[in-house]
Protein backbone atom coordinates (compact mmCIF):
# COMPACT_ATOMS: atom_id res chain seq x y z
CA UNK A 1 -13.06 41.69 22.45
CA UNK A 2 -15.10 43.69 20.00
CA UNK A 3 -16.91 42.49 16.86
CA UNK A 4 -13.77 42.63 14.70
CA UNK A 5 -11.81 40.41 17.11
CA UNK A 6 -9.58 43.20 18.42
CA UNK A 7 -8.84 43.26 22.13
CA UNK A 8 -9.90 46.91 22.49
CA UNK A 9 -11.74 49.43 20.33
CA UNK A 10 -9.60 51.81 18.29
CA UNK A 11 -9.79 55.43 19.38
CA UNK A 12 -8.39 58.63 18.00
CA UNK A 13 -8.06 62.12 19.40
CA UNK A 14 -8.43 64.95 16.94
CA UNK A 15 -8.51 68.72 17.13
CA UNK A 16 -10.91 70.79 15.03
CA UNK A 17 -9.52 74.26 14.30
CA UNK A 18 -11.77 77.25 14.94
CA UNK A 19 -14.55 75.11 16.41
CA UNK A 20 -16.15 76.06 19.70
CA UNK A 21 -19.09 73.75 20.46
CA UNK A 22 -19.57 70.94 22.95
CA UNK A 23 -19.69 67.68 20.98
CA UNK A 24 -18.35 65.10 23.43
CA UNK A 25 -20.27 61.86 23.02
CA UNK A 26 -21.35 62.77 19.48
CA UNK A 27 -20.41 60.71 16.46
CA UNK A 28 -18.04 62.23 13.92
CA UNK A 29 -16.36 61.08 10.75
CA UNK A 30 -12.63 61.74 10.39
CA UNK A 31 -10.85 61.53 7.04
CA UNK A 32 -7.10 61.04 6.91
CA UNK A 33 -5.63 63.01 4.04
CA UNK A 34 -2.14 63.85 5.25
CA UNK A 35 0.40 62.15 7.51
CA UNK A 36 1.94 64.77 9.77
CA UNK A 37 4.65 62.88 11.68
CA UNK A 38 5.38 59.68 13.56
CA UNK A 39 4.61 59.30 17.24
CA UNK A 40 7.43 60.32 19.55
CA UNK A 41 8.20 61.06 23.18
CA UNK A 42 9.27 64.48 24.40
CA UNK A 43 11.77 65.41 27.06
CA UNK A 44 9.60 68.12 28.57
CA UNK A 45 6.14 69.60 28.35
CA UNK A 46 7.68 72.69 26.71
CA UNK A 47 9.06 70.52 23.88
CA UNK A 48 5.64 68.90 23.51
CA UNK A 49 3.85 72.26 23.42
CA UNK A 50 6.30 73.59 20.81
CA UNK A 51 5.74 70.50 18.65
CA UNK A 52 1.95 70.83 18.95
CA UNK A 53 2.17 74.47 17.85
CA UNK A 54 4.34 73.46 14.89
CA UNK A 55 1.99 70.60 13.98
CA UNK A 56 -0.98 72.99 14.04
CA UNK A 57 0.74 75.45 11.72
CA UNK A 58 1.75 72.64 9.36
CA UNK A 59 -1.83 71.29 9.30
CA UNK A 60 -3.34 74.72 8.66
CA UNK A 61 -0.84 75.33 5.85
CA UNK A 62 -1.59 71.93 4.30
CA UNK A 63 -5.35 72.53 4.32
CA UNK A 64 -5.03 76.13 3.12
CA UNK A 65 -2.85 75.06 0.18
CA UNK A 66 -5.06 72.08 -0.71
CA UNK A 67 -8.47 73.75 -0.39
CA UNK A 68 -7.42 76.67 -2.60
CA UNK A 69 -6.88 74.19 -5.47
CA UNK A 70 -10.40 72.74 -5.17
């Protein structure tokens, strides 16, 4: 158990677009500002790869549209 009483620590995997540095083991802060989609299983790796590509385009569009307003 950890300090908050949970059985295991919470972990998240994230992808940083256009970032090419080695940062494994470093601390980062992640802000959630848009829900992309619910978790789901895929019938093949090709379906998964297609969904990842679609998710990336959706995320880039979201950030492009919302940073232009700032």
